[in-house]
Amino acid sequence: MGKGERLGRMGIQSVAKRSLLCYHVGMLPVKKKEAVIKKAQKHEKDTGSADVQVAILTERINALSSHLKKNKKDNHSRRGLLQMVADRRKHLAYLEKTNKKSFAKVSASMKLK
């Protein structure tokens, strides 16, 4: 059975277009990501602290949540959303354990808890 036979009525182009859309669902545009980083960073070169990671994950979660409201059957993206939520919870637990002021600031600015 060839690839064309398995595709049925969907053409190769529509499959490629659909896979590209699924690829971009969880990603943030570069300018938006830079804005989120600037808002959450502690100093000019801070791009990987827990504060920044939580901010980026929150934006990605919000984007993916709106996608899933439109596409209820997209279970692959739903799994990615659950992984991002778990990752954000781990970062928040770390922040709460190590730096309570930073935790309070991040949760207030991201409207969490």
PDB file of N, CA and C in Angstrom:
ATOM      1  N   MET A   1       0.848  -1.167   0.000  1.00  0.00           N
ATOM      2  CA  MET A   1       0.000   0.000   0.000  1.00  0.00           C
ATOM      3  C   MET A   1       0.901   1.240   0.000  1.00  0.00           C
ATOM      4  N   GLY A   2       0.723   2.105  -0.960  1.00  0.00           N
ATOM      5  CA  GLY A   2       1.538   3.304  -1.080  1.00  0.00           C
ATOM      6  C   GLY A   2       1.003   4.436  -0.227  1.00  0.00           C
ATOM      7  N   LYS A   3       1.773   5.481  -0.160  1.00  0.00           N
ATOM      8  CA  LYS A   3       1.387   6.631   0.665  1.00  0.00           C
ATOM      9  C   LYS A   3       0.109   7.285   0.141  1.00  0.00           C
ATOM     10  N   GLY A   4      -0.022   7.369  -1.157  1.00  0.00           N
ATOM     11  CA  GLY A   4      -1.206   7.975  -1.755  1.00  0.00           C
ATOM     12  C   GLY A   4      -2.471   7.188  -1.466  1.00  0.00           C
ATOM     13  N   GLU A   5      -2.343   5.865  -1.375  1.00  0.00           N
ATOM     14  CA  GLU A   5      -3.510   5.045  -1.103  1.00  0.00           C
ATOM     15  C   GLU A   5      -4.006   5.234   0.331  1.00  0.00           C
ATOM     16  N   ARG A   6      -3.085   5.423   1.253  1.00  0.00           N
ATOM     17  CA  ARG A   6      -3.470   5.595   2.644  1.00  0.00           C
ATOM     18  C   ARG A   6      -4.108   6.958   2.894  1.00  0.00           C
ATOM     19  N   LEU A   7      -3.761   7.937   2.102  1.00  0.00           N
ATOM     20  CA  LEU A   7      -4.263   9.282   2.328  1.00  0.00           C
ATOM     21  C   LEU A   7      -5.739   9.432   1.976  1.00  0.00           C
ATOM     22  N   GLY A   8      -6.226   8.584   1.094  1.00  0.00           N
ATOM     23  CA  GLY A   8      -7.630   8.658   0.724  1.00  0.00           C
ATOM     24  C   GLY A   8      -7.926   9.948  -0.020  1.00  0.00           C
ATOM     25  N   ARG A   9      -8.978  10.652   0.404  1.00  0.00           N
ATOM     26  CA  ARG A   9      -9.371  11.882  -0.269  1.00  0.00           C
ATOM     27  C   ARG A   9      -8.462  13.062   0.073  1.00  0.00           C
ATOM     28  N   MET A  10      -7.820  13.019   1.228  1.00  0.00           N
ATOM     29  CA  MET A  10      -6.925  14.120   1.586  1.00  0.00           C
ATOM     30  C   MET A  10      -5.703  14.073   0.686  1.00  0.00           C
ATOM     31  N   GLY A  11      -5.358  15.187   0.126  1.00  0.00           N
ATOM     32  CA  GLY A  11      -4.185  15.234  -0.718  1.00  0.00           C
ATOM     33  C   GLY A  11      -2.914  15.368   0.104  1.00  0.00           C
ATOM     34  N   ILE A  12      -1.794  15.163  -0.545  1.00  0.00           N
ATOM     35  CA  ILE A  12      -0.507  15.277   0.135  1.00  0.00           C
ATOM     36  C   ILE A  12      -0.303  16.702   0.633  1.00  0.00           C
ATOM     37  N   GLN A  13      -0.739  17.685  -0.150  1.00  0.00           N
ATOM     38  CA  GLN A  13      -0.552  19.072   0.263  1.00  0.00           C
ATOM     39  C   GLN A  13      -1.326  19.383   1.543  1.00  0.00           C
ATOM     40  N   SER A  14      -2.559  18.877   1.642  1.00  0.00           N
ATOM     41  CA  SER A  14      -3.340  19.181   2.846  1.00  0.00           C
ATOM     42  C   SER A  14      -2.737  18.503   4.072  1.00  0.00           C
ATOM     43  N   VAL A  15      -2.150  17.313   3.904  1.00  0.00           N
ATOM     44  CA  VAL A  15      -1.494  16.640   5.024  1.00  0.00           C
ATOM     45  C   VAL A  15      -0.280  17.446   5.455  1.00  0.00           C
ATOM     46  N   ALA A  16       0.512  17.939   4.503  1.00  0.00           N
ATOM     47  CA  ALA A  16       1.691  18.744   4.833  1.00  0.00           C
ATOM     48  C   ALA A  16       1.282  20.038   5.524  1.00  0.00           C
ATOM     49  N   LYS A  17       0.235  20.674   5.030  1.00  0.00           N
ATOM     50  CA  LYS A  17      -0.237  21.932   5.625  1.00  0.00           C
ATOM     51  C   LYS A  17      -0.716  21.684   7.050  1.00  0.00           C
ATOM     52  N   ARG A  18      -1.449  20.586   7.259  1.00  0.00           N
ATOM     53  CA  ARG A  18      -1.970  20.277   8.582  1.00  0.00           C
ATOM     54  C   ARG A  18      -0.839  19.975   9.559  1.00  0.00           C
ATOM     55  N   SER A  19       0.193  19.265   9.105  1.00  0.00           N
ATOM     56  CA  SER A  19       1.295  18.950  10.010  1.00  0.00           C
ATOM     57  C   SER A  19       2.074  20.207  10.367  1.00  0.00           C
ATOM     58  N   LEU A  20       2.171  21.170   9.447  1.00  0.00           N
ATOM     59  CA  LEU A  20       2.837  22.426   9.767  1.00  0.00           C
ATOM     60  C   LEU A  20       2.051  23.212  10.802  1.00  0.00           C
ATOM     61  N   LEU A  21       0.729  23.194  10.686  1.00  0.00           N
ATOM     62  CA  LEU A  21      -0.095  23.896  11.661  1.00  0.00           C
ATOM     63  C   LEU A  21       0.067  23.282  13.041  1.00  0.00           C
ATOM     64  N   CYS A  22       0.102  21.956  13.112  1.00  0.00           N
ATOM     65  CA  CYS A  22       0.264  21.288  14.399  1.00  0.00           C
ATOM     66  C   CYS A  22       1.630  21.592  14.997  1.00  0.00           C
ATOM     67  N   TYR A  23       2.638  21.761  14.155  1.00  0.00           N
ATOM     68  CA  TYR A  23       3.982  22.045  14.639  1.00  0.00           C
ATOM     69  C   TYR A  23       4.038  23.408  15.302  1.00  0.00           C
ATOM     70  N   HIS A  24       3.309  24.381  14.792  1.00  0.00           N
ATOM     71  CA  HIS A  24       3.381  25.748  15.301  1.00  0.00           C
ATOM     72  C   HIS A  24       2.403  26.025  16.436  1.00  0.00           C
ATOM     73  N   VAL A  25       1.595  25.074  16.814  1.00  0.00           N
ATOM     74  CA  VAL A  25       0.577  25.309  17.826  1.00  0.00           C
ATOM     75  C   VAL A  25       1.197  25.686  19.166  1.00  0.00           C
ATOM     76  N   GLY A  26       2.212  24.976  19.637  1.00  0.00           N
ATOM     77  CA  GLY A  26       2.768  25.218  20.953  1.00  0.00           C
ATOM     78  C   GLY A  26       3.874  26.245  20.985  1.00  0.00           C
ATOM     79  N   MET A  27       4.244  26.786  19.841  1.00  0.00           N
ATOM     80  CA  MET A  27       5.366  27.724  19.798  1.00  0.00           C
ATOM     81  C   MET A  27       4.877  29.162  19.897  1.00  0.00           C
ATOM     82  N   LEU A  28       5.720  30.003  20.478  1.00  0.00           N
ATOM     83  CA  LEU A  28       5.425  31.433  20.553  1.00  0.00           C
ATOM     84  C   LEU A  28       6.190  32.156  19.457  1.00  0.00           C
ATOM     85  N   PRO A  29       5.611  33.188  18.882  1.00  0.00           N
ATOM     86  CA  PRO A  29       6.374  34.011  17.937  1.00  0.00           C
ATOM     87  C   PRO A  29       7.567  34.646  18.655  1.00  0.00           C
ATOM     88  N   VAL A  30       8.649  34.876  17.924  1.00  0.00           N
ATOM     89  CA  VAL A  30       9.899  35.349  18.513  1.00  0.00           C
ATOM     90  C   VAL A  30       9.708  36.670  19.265  1.00  0.00           C
ATOM     91  N   LYS A  31       9.009  37.610  18.654  1.00  0.00           N
ATOM     92  CA  LYS A  31       8.829  38.918  19.291  1.00  0.00           C
ATOM     93  C   LYS A  31       8.024  38.807  20.587  1.00  0.00           C
ATOM     94  N   LYS A  32       7.005  37.954  20.573  1.00  0.00           N
ATOM     95  CA  LYS A  32       6.195  37.772  21.779  1.00  0.00           C
ATOM     96  C   LYS A  32       7.018  37.107  22.877  1.00  0.00           C
ATOM     97  N   LYS A  33       7.840  36.123  22.488  1.00  0.00           N
ATOM     98  CA  LYS A  33       8.690  35.441  23.466  1.00  0.00           C
ATOM     99  C   LYS A  33       9.703  36.405  24.075  1.00  0.00           C
ATOM    100  N   GLU A  34      10.287  37.264  23.230  1.00  0.00           N
ATOM    101  CA  GLU A  34      11.242  38.262  23.731  1.00  0.00           C
ATOM    102  C   GLU A  34      10.562  39.227  24.706  1.00  0.00           C
ATOM    103  N   ALA A  35       9.325  39.616  24.411  1.00  0.00           N
ATOM    104  CA  ALA A  35       8.587  40.518  25.292  1.00  0.00           C
ATOM    105  C   ALA A  35       8.308  39.851  26.641  1.00  0.00           C
ATOM    106  N   VAL A  36       7.959  38.575  26.611  1.00  0.00           N
ATOM    107  CA  VAL A  36       7.692  37.838  27.845  1.00  0.00           C
ATOM    108  C   VAL A  36       8.971  37.725  28.670  1.00  0.00           C
ATOM    109  N   ILE A  37      10.089  37.448  27.996  1.00  0.00           N
ATOM    110  CA  ILE A  37      11.367  37.329  28.697  1.00  0.00           C
ATOM    111  C   ILE A  37      11.748  38.655  29.333  1.00  0.00           C
ATOM    112  N   LYS A  38      11.609  39.763  28.590  1.00  0.00           N
ATOM    113  CA  LYS A  38      11.947  41.083  29.132  1.00  0.00           C
ATOM    114  C   LYS A  38      11.116  41.416  30.360  1.00  0.00           C
ATOM    115  N   LYS A  39       9.864  41.014  30.336  1.00  0.00           N
ATOM    116  CA  LYS A  39       8.962  41.315  31.440  1.00  0.00           C
ATOM    117  C   LYS A  39       9.342  40.533  32.704  1.00  0.00           C
ATOM    118  N   ALA A  40       9.857  39.304  32.544  1.00  0.00           N
ATOM    119  CA  ALA A  40      10.097  38.434  33.697  1.00  0.00           C
ATOM    120  C   ALA A  40      11.556  38.360  34.133  1.00  0.00           C
ATOM    121  N   GLN A  41      12.487  38.832  33.309  1.00  0.00           N
ATOM    122  CA  GLN A  41      13.902  38.638  33.639  1.00  0.00           C
ATOM    123  C   GLN A  41      14.361  39.507  34.800  1.00  0.00           C
ATOM    124  N   LYS A  42      15.361  38.985  35.528  1.00  0.00           N
ATOM    125  CA  LYS A  42      15.905  39.686  36.691  1.00  0.00           C
ATOM    126  C   LYS A  42      16.982  40.685  36.286  1.00  0.00           C
ATOM    127  N   HIS A  43      17.771  40.325  35.270  1.00  0.00           N
ATOM    128  CA  HIS A  43      18.801  41.213  34.746  1.00  0.00           C
ATOM    129  C   HIS A  43      18.832  41.073  33.234  1.00  0.00           C
ATOM    130  N   GLU A  44      19.652  41.857  32.563  1.00  0.00           N
ATOM    131  CA  GLU A  44      19.630  41.962  31.100  1.00  0.00           C
ATOM    132  C   GLU A  44      19.846  40.630  30.378  1.00  0.00           C
ATOM    133  N   LYS A  45      20.734  39.790  30.879  1.00  0.00           N
ATOM    134  CA  LYS A  45      21.062  38.540  30.185  1.00  0.00           C
ATOM    135  C   LYS A  45      20.321  37.328  30.741  1.00  0.00           C
ATOM    136  N   ASP A  46      19.351  37.556  31.585  1.00  0.00           N
ATOM    137  CA  ASP A  46      18.606  36.461  32.204  1.00  0.00           C
ATOM    138  C   ASP A  46      17.565  35.915  31.229  1.00  0.00           C
ATOM    139  N   THR A  47      17.814  34.701  30.745  1.00  0.00           N
ATOM    140  CA  THR A  47      16.843  34.083  29.837  1.00  0.00           C
ATOM    141  C   THR A  47      16.421  32.697  30.301  1.00  0.00           C
ATOM    142  N   GLY A  48      17.018  32.185  31.374  1.00  0.00           N
ATOM    143  CA  GLY A  48      16.720  30.813  31.758  1.00  0.00           C
ATOM    144  C   GLY A  48      16.375  30.611  33.214  1.00  0.00           C
ATOM    145  N   SER A  49      16.207  31.680  33.966  1.00  0.00           N
ATOM    146  CA  SER A  49      15.858  31.511  35.380  1.00  0.00           C
ATOM    147  C   SER A  49      14.450  30.925  35.489  1.00  0.00           C
ATOM    148  N   ALA A  50      14.140  30.438  36.670  1.00  0.00           N
ATOM    149  CA  ALA A  50      12.828  29.818  36.887  1.00  0.00           C
ATOM    150  C   ALA A  50      11.699  30.819  36.628  1.00  0.00           C
ATOM    151  N   ASP A  51      11.931  32.089  36.980  1.00  0.00           N
ATOM    152  CA  ASP A  51      10.913  33.124  36.733  1.00  0.00           C
ATOM    153  C   ASP A  51      10.589  33.226  35.245  1.00  0.00           C
ATOM    154  N   VAL A  52      11.624  33.286  34.440  1.00  0.00           N
ATOM    155  CA  VAL A  52      11.457  33.414  32.989  1.00  0.00           C
ATOM    156  C   VAL A  52      10.818  32.156  32.411  1.00  0.00           C
ATOM    157  N   GLN A  53      11.254  30.995  32.896  1.00  0.00           N
ATOM    158  CA  GLN A  53      10.687  29.740  32.396  1.00  0.00           C
ATOM    159  C   GLN A  53       9.195  29.662  32.691  1.00  0.00           C
ATOM    160  N   VAL A  54       8.796  30.075  33.876  1.00  0.00           N
ATOM    161  CA  VAL A  54       7.373  30.056  34.232  1.00  0.00           C
ATOM    162  C   VAL A  54       6.593  31.011  33.331  1.00  0.00           C
ATOM    163  N   ALA A  55       7.154  32.186  33.065  1.00  0.00           N
ATOM    164  CA  ALA A  55       6.466  33.161  32.208  1.00  0.00           C
ATOM    165  C   ALA A  55       6.291  32.619  30.792  1.00  0.00           C
ATOM    166  N   ILE A  56       7.340  32.028  30.242  1.00  0.00           N
ATOM    167  CA  ILE A  56       7.263  31.469  28.880  1.00  0.00           C
ATOM    168  C   ILE A  56       6.262  30.324  28.838  1.00  0.00           C
ATOM    169  N   LEU A  57       6.340  29.437  29.821  1.00  0.00           N
ATOM    170  CA  LEU A  57       5.413  28.307  29.854  1.00  0.00           C
ATOM    171  C   LEU A  57       3.967  28.777  29.984  1.00  0.00           C
ATOM    172  N   THR A  58       3.733  29.815  30.771  1.00  0.00           N
ATOM    173  CA  THR A  58       2.377  30.333  30.937  1.00  0.00           C
ATOM    174  C   THR A  58       1.838  30.860  29.611  1.00  0.00           C
ATOM    175  N   GLU A  59       2.656  31.589  28.873  1.00  0.00           N
ATOM    176  CA  GLU A  59       2.216  32.095  27.559  1.00  0.00           C
ATOM    177  C   GLU A  59       1.931  30.949  26.595  1.00  0.00           C
ATOM    178  N   ARG A  60       2.815  29.941  26.590  1.00  0.00           N
ATOM    179  CA  ARG A  60       2.600  28.789  25.711  1.00  0.00           C
ATOM    180  C   ARG A  60       1.338  28.027  26.096  1.00  0.00           C
ATOM    181  N   ILE A  61       1.099  27.885  27.393  1.00  0.00           N
ATOM    182  CA  ILE A  61      -0.095  27.185  27.872  1.00  0.00           C
ATOM    183  C   ILE A  61      -1.357  27.940  27.457  1.00  0.00           C
ATOM    184  N   ASN A  62      -1.329  29.262  27.591  1.00  0.00           N
ATOM    185  CA  ASN A  62      -2.495  30.061  27.192  1.00  0.00           C
ATOM    186  C   ASN A  62      -2.768  29.933  25.695  1.00  0.00           C
ATOM    187  N   ALA A  63      -1.706  29.954  24.878  1.00  0.00           N
ATOM    188  CA  ALA A  63      -1.877  29.828  23.431  1.00  0.00           C
ATOM    189  C   ALA A  63      -2.437  28.451  23.069  1.00  0.00           C
ATOM    190  N   LEU A  64      -1.899  27.433  23.704  1.00  0.00           N
ATOM    191  CA  LEU A  64      -2.332  26.075  23.397  1.00  0.00           C
ATOM    192  C   LEU A  64      -3.747  25.818  23.907  1.00  0.00           C
ATOM    193  N   SER A  65      -4.117  26.430  25.011  1.00  0.00           N
ATOM    194  CA  SER A  65      -5.476  26.273  25.535  1.00  0.00           C
ATOM    195  C   SER A  65      -6.506  26.840  24.564  1.00  0.00           C
ATOM    196  N   SER A  66      -6.196  28.006  23.993  1.00  0.00           N
ATOM    197  CA  SER A  66      -7.142  28.581  23.030  1.00  0.00           C
ATOM    198  C   SER A  66      -7.220  27.719  21.765  1.00  0.00           C
ATOM    199  N   HIS A  67      -6.103  27.106  21.379  1.00  0.00           N
ATOM    200  CA  HIS A  67      -6.116  26.201  20.224  1.00  0.00           C
ATOM    201  C   HIS A  67      -6.999  24.991  20.518  1.00  0.00           C
ATOM    202  N   LEU A  68      -6.893  24.456  21.731  1.00  0.00           N
ATOM    203  CA  LEU A  68      -7.649  23.256  22.073  1.00  0.00           C
ATOM    204  C   LEU A  68      -9.141  23.537  22.245  1.00  0.00           C
ATOM    205  N   LYS A  69      -9.500  24.782  22.523  1.00  0.00           N
ATOM    206  CA  LYS A  69     -10.915  25.127  22.588  1.00  0.00           C
ATOM    207  C   LYS A  69     -11.547  25.036  21.211  1.00  0.00           C
ATOM    208  N   LYS A  70     -10.762  25.367  20.176  1.00  0.00           N
ATOM    209  CA  LYS A  70     -11.269  25.283  18.798  1.00  0.00           C
ATOM    210  C   LYS A  70     -11.175  23.862  18.249  1.00  0.00           C
ATOM    211  N   ASN A  71     -10.121  23.135  18.642  1.00  0.00           N
ATOM    212  CA  ASN A  71      -9.850  21.796  18.103  1.00  0.00           C
ATOM    213  C   ASN A  71      -9.940  20.779  19.241  1.00  0.00           C
ATOM    214  N   LYS A  72     -11.141  20.393  19.576  1.00  0.00           N
ATOM    215  CA  LYS A  72     -11.377  19.546  20.741  1.00  0.00           C
ATOM    216  C   LYS A  72     -10.787  18.144  20.605  1.00  0.00           C
ATOM    217  N   LYS A  73     -10.593  17.672  19.388  1.00  0.00           N
ATOM    218  CA  LYS A  73     -10.107  16.308  19.196  1.00  0.00           C
ATOM    219  C   LYS A  73      -8.583  16.214  19.026  1.00  0.00           C
ATOM    220  N   ASP A  74      -7.888  17.308  19.204  1.00  0.00           N
ATOM    221  CA  ASP A  74      -6.438  17.319  19.027  1.00  0.00           C
ATOM    222  C   ASP A  74      -5.759  16.790  20.294  1.00  0.00           C
ATOM    223  N   ASN A  75      -5.740  15.463  20.432  1.00  0.00           N
ATOM    224  CA  ASN A  75      -5.229  14.849  21.650  1.00  0.00           C
ATOM    225  C   ASN A  75      -3.709  14.915  21.747  1.00  0.00           C
ATOM    226  N   HIS A  76      -3.026  14.986  20.638  1.00  0.00           N
ATOM    227  CA  HIS A  76      -1.561  15.090  20.677  1.00  0.00           C
ATOM    228  C   HIS A  76      -1.149  16.419  21.313  1.00  0.00           C
ATOM    229  N   SER A  77      -1.810  17.488  20.939  1.00  0.00           N
ATOM    230  CA  SER A  77      -1.502  18.789  21.530  1.00  0.00           C
ATOM    231  C   SER A  77      -1.955  18.842  22.987  1.00  0.00           C
ATOM    232  N   ARG A  78      -3.030  18.146  23.291  1.00  0.00           N
ATOM    233  CA  ARG A  78      -3.516  18.103  24.680  1.00  0.00           C
ATOM    234  C   ARG A  78      -2.465  17.465  25.590  1.00  0.00           C
ATOM    235  N   ARG A  79      -1.803  16.425  25.088  1.00  0.00           N
ATOM    236  CA  ARG A  79      -0.746  15.778  25.860  1.00  0.00           C
ATOM    237  C   ARG A  79       0.410  16.753  26.091  1.00  0.00           C
ATOM    238  N   GLY A  80       0.759  17.509  25.058  1.00  0.00           N
ATOM    239  CA  GLY A  80       1.812  18.510  25.202  1.00  0.00           C
ATOM    240  C   GLY A  80       1.429  19.574  26.225  1.00  0.00           C
ATOM    241  N   LEU A  81       0.159  19.951  26.240  1.00  0.00           N
ATOM    242  CA  LEU A  81      -0.326  20.929  27.213  1.00  0.00           C
ATOM    243  C   LEU A  81      -0.161  20.397  28.637  1.00  0.00           C
ATOM    244  N   LEU A  82      -0.525  19.143  28.840  1.00  0.00           N
ATOM    245  CA  LEU A  82      -0.390  18.549  30.170  1.00  0.00           C
ATOM    246  C   LEU A  82       1.071  18.496  30.608  1.00  0.00           C
ATOM    247  N   GLN A  83       1.967  18.223  29.670  1.00  0.00           N
ATOM    248  CA  GLN A  83       3.396  18.202  29.989  1.00  0.00           C
ATOM    249  C   GLN A  83       3.887  19.596  30.370  1.00  0.00           C
ATOM    250  N   MET A  84       3.414  20.621  29.643  1.00  0.00           N
ATOM    251  CA  MET A  84       3.821  21.991  29.961  1.00  0.00           C
ATOM    252  C   MET A  84       3.293  22.420  31.327  1.00  0.00           C
ATOM    253  N   VAL A  85       2.055  22.037  31.646  1.00  0.00           N
ATOM    254  CA  VAL A  85       1.478  22.383  32.943  1.00  0.00           C
ATOM    255  C   VAL A  85       2.289  21.722  34.059  1.00  0.00           C
ATOM    256  N   ALA A  86       2.657  20.461  33.878  1.00  0.00           N
ATOM    257  CA  ALA A  86       3.459  19.757  34.882  1.00  0.00           C
ATOM    258  C   ALA A  86       4.829  20.414  35.045  1.00  0.00           C
ATOM    259  N   ASP A  87       5.424  20.809  33.931  1.00  0.00           N
ATOM    260  CA  ASP A  87       6.731  21.465  33.968  1.00  0.00           C
ATOM    261  C   ASP A  87       6.643  22.802  34.701  1.00  0.00           C
ATOM    262  N   ARG A  88       5.587  23.554  34.435  1.00  0.00           N
ATOM    263  CA  ARG A  88       5.398  24.841  35.109  1.00  0.00           C
ATOM    264  C   ARG A  88       5.193  24.635  36.608  1.00  0.00           C
ATOM    265  N   ARG A  89       4.445  23.606  36.974  1.00  0.00           N
ATOM    266  CA  ARG A  89       4.232  23.315  38.402  1.00  0.00           C
ATOM    267  C   ARG A  89       5.545  22.983  39.094  1.00  0.00           C
ATOM    268  N   LYS A  90       6.427  22.255  38.409  1.00  0.00           N
ATOM    269  CA  LYS A  90       7.730  21.929  38.995  1.00  0.00           C
ATOM    270  C   LYS A  90       8.560  23.190  39.195  1.00  0.00           C
ATOM    271  N   HIS A  91       8.558  24.070  38.200  1.00  0.00           N
ATOM    272  CA  HIS A  91       9.301  25.327  38.330  1.00  0.00           C
ATOM    273  C   HIS A  91       8.732  26.184  39.464  1.00  0.00           C
ATOM    274  N   LEU A  92       7.414  26.224  39.579  1.00  0.00           N
ATOM    275  CA  LEU A  92       6.788  27.006  40.644  1.00  0.00           C
ATOM    276  C   LEU A  92       7.099  26.414  42.024  1.00  0.00           C
ATOM    277  N   ALA A  93       7.117  25.090  42.120  1.00  0.00           N
ATOM    278  CA  ALA A  93       7.457  24.450  43.395  1.00  0.00           C
ATOM    279  C   ALA A  93       8.899  24.772  43.781  1.00  0.00           C
ATOM    280  N   TYR A  94       9.776  24.764  42.796  1.00  0.00           N
ATOM    281  CA  TYR A  94      11.172  25.122  43.051  1.00  0.00           C
ATOM    282  C   TYR A  94      11.275  26.571  43.522  1.00  0.00           C
ATOM    283  N   LEU A  95      10.584  27.458  42.849  1.00  0.00           N
ATOM    284  CA  LEU A  95      10.606  28.873  43.226  1.00  0.00           C
ATOM    285  C   LEU A  95      10.058  29.067  44.643  1.00  0.00           C
ATOM    286  N   GLU A  96       8.969  28.397  44.956  1.00  0.00           N
ATOM    287  CA  GLU A  96       8.358  28.545  46.273  1.00  0.00           C
ATOM    288  C   GLU A  96       9.313  28.052  47.363  1.00  0.00           C
ATOM    289  N   LYS A  97      10.049  26.999  47.054  1.00  0.00           N
ATOM    290  CA  LYS A  97      10.968  26.431  48.033  1.00  0.00           C
ATOM    291  C   LYS A  97      12.207  27.306  48.226  1.00  0.00           C
ATOM    292  N   THR A  98      12.713  27.911  47.151  1.00  0.00           N
ATOM    293  CA  THR A  98      13.986  28.631  47.230  1.00  0.00           C
ATOM    294  C   THR A  98      13.834  30.139  47.428  1.00  0.00           C
ATOM    295  N   ASN A  99      12.829  30.749  46.803  1.00  0.00           N
ATOM    296  CA  ASN A  99      12.721  32.204  46.839  1.00  0.00           C
ATOM    297  C   ASN A  99      11.242  32.604  46.891  1.00  0.00           C
ATOM    298  N   LYS A 100      10.726  32.760  48.079  1.00  0.00           N
ATOM    299  CA  LYS A 100       9.291  33.029  48.243  1.00  0.00           C
ATOM    300  C   LYS A 100       8.862  34.375  47.657  1.00  0.00           C
ATOM    301  N   LYS A 101       9.733  35.383  47.728  1.00  0.00           N
ATOM    302  CA  LYS A 101       9.395  36.692  47.155  1.00  0.00           C
ATOM    303  C   LYS A 101       9.228  36.597  45.650  1.00  0.00           C
ATOM    304  N   SER A 102      10.163  35.913  45.021  1.00  0.00           N
ATOM    305  CA  SER A 102      10.107  35.745  43.570  1.00  0.00           C
ATOM    306  C   SER A 102       8.878  34.929  43.175  1.00  0.00           C
ATOM    307  N   PHE A 103       8.560  33.904  43.977  1.00  0.00           N
ATOM    308  CA  PHE A 103       7.380  33.079  43.720  1.00  0.00           C
ATOM    309  C   PHE A 103       6.113  33.928  43.777  1.00  0.00           C
ATOM    310  N   ALA A 104       6.009  34.765  44.803  1.00  0.00           N
ATOM    311  CA  ALA A 104       4.825  35.615  44.957  1.00  0.00           C
ATOM    312  C   ALA A 104       4.705  36.599  43.799  1.00  0.00           C
ATOM    313  N   LYS A 105       5.845  37.156  43.385  1.00  0.00           N
ATOM    314  CA  LYS A 105       5.851  38.121  42.284  1.00  0.00           C
ATOM    315  C   LYS A 105       5.410  37.468  40.977  1.00  0.00           C
ATOM    316  N   VAL A 106       5.967  36.283  40.700  1.00  0.00           N
ATOM    317  CA  VAL A 106       5.643  35.585  39.440  1.00  0.00           C
ATOM    318  C   VAL A 106       4.190  35.154  39.446  1.00  0.00           C
ATOM    319  N   SER A 107       3.717  34.571  40.564  1.00  0.00           N
ATOM    320  CA  SER A 107       2.322  34.116  40.577  1.00  0.00           C
ATOM    321  C   SER A 107       1.342  35.275  40.472  1.00  0.00           C
ATOM    322  N   ALA A 108       1.697  36.412  41.034  1.00  0.00           N
ATOM    323  CA  ALA A 108       0.806  37.572  40.926  1.00  0.00           C
ATOM    324  C   ALA A 108       0.804  38.132  39.517  1.00  0.00           C
ATOM    325  N   SER A 109       1.986  38.242  38.905  1.00  0.00           N
ATOM    326  CA  SER A 109       2.050  38.841  37.556  1.00  0.00           C
ATOM    327  C   SER A 109       1.446  37.920  36.498  1.00  0.00           C
ATOM    328  N   MET A 110       1.532  36.603  36.693  1.00  0.00           N
ATOM    329  CA  MET A 110       0.973  35.662  35.726  1.00  0.00           C
ATOM    330  C   MET A 110      -0.456  35.253  36.081  1.00  0.00           C
ATOM    331  N   LYS A 111      -0.973  35.791  37.197  1.00  0.00           N
ATOM    332  CA  LYS A 111      -2.329  35.478  37.680  1.00  0.00           C
ATOM    333  C   LYS A 111      -2.507  33.983  37.896  1.00  0.00           C
ATOM    334  N   LEU A 112      -1.566  33.384  38.644  1.00  0.00           N
ATOM    335  CA  LEU A 112      -1.609  31.968  38.972  1.00  0.00           C
ATOM    336  C   LEU A 112      -2.022  31.810  40.432  1.00  0.00           C
ATOM    337  N   LYS A 113      -2.619  30.700  40.748  1.00  0.00           N
ATOM    338  CA  LYS A 113      -3.080  30.339  42.102  1.00  0.00           C
ATOM    339  C   LYS A 113      -4.007  31.356  42.597  1.00  0.00           C
TER     340      LYS A 113
END
